[in-house]
Amino acid sequence: MKKPAILAASLAAVLAVALPATSALADDVVSAISVSGEASVSAAPDLAQIDAGVANDAKSAKEASDANNAAMGKVLLALKGAGIAEKDYQTSRLSLQPQYGQNKSTGASPVVGFRASNRVTVKIRDVTKVAGIIDTLVAAGANDIGNISFEVTQASKLLDDAREQAVADARRKAEIYAKATGVTLGAPLSVSEGGAPVPLFKGRMAAAPLAAGAAVAPGEETLSVTVNVSWAIKAKEQ
């Protein structure tokens, strides 16, 4: 009959030891306000990228391949002649595919020929020359041009002012919350950038044949940045 009393005494001893430890952990918790700040900057793109290709059909695979190699050779020579450095164009797709017909009497799909295609991705470091480069490619025999995109290559440097504005925006929000909850802001505890800065809009045209003399408008890109900031808080002094 004495065992329950001993067990109760043991539990009381455990609780007596655990409670101070729990209180000590609570004292180590830092109260904080965590918010996100945002800012953006607009800039004209300084790099364009396009895909250009040639496709050739022939009765045999060799004929299609030979014709395609010759056609792409002319396109590459045209790029070089237009002042595009070799490092700025790269093969992005190369294929040789059979073409099938339809035999109405048997329902079979015999091979009736072959299509060879070759595409290159071209970087144009002077966006004012994009339309002229397209004209050059078309004149050289390119019959598949598209996927035009414009980029800001120095986006990170351009975003430095936006980063300061984003931190100021975060502090403005934190001060609103602090006022609403009756506390004051202390020192910042942490600052982090929310993911890689990316353009809110990136000019792009879907892959499709373009006519010579096609108008091209690079426009502007709006780059945004988000920062996450935590501030320590303390009670207002009376």
Foldseek 3Di string as FASTA:
>chain_A
DCVVVVVVVVVVVVCVVPVVVVVVVVVPDFDKDKDKFKFKDKDFFQKKKKKWKAKAKDQEQVVQVVVRVVLVVLLVVLCVVVVFDPVFKDKDDWDKAFDWDADVVVRDTDGRIIMTMTMMMGMDRGVVCPLVSLLSNVVSPTFKMFFMKTHHPPVVVVCPVRVVNRVVRGVVVRCVVCVVVQKDWDAWDDKDKDDDWDWPDMDGTDIDGDDRPDDDDRDMTMIMIMMMIMTGIGHDDD
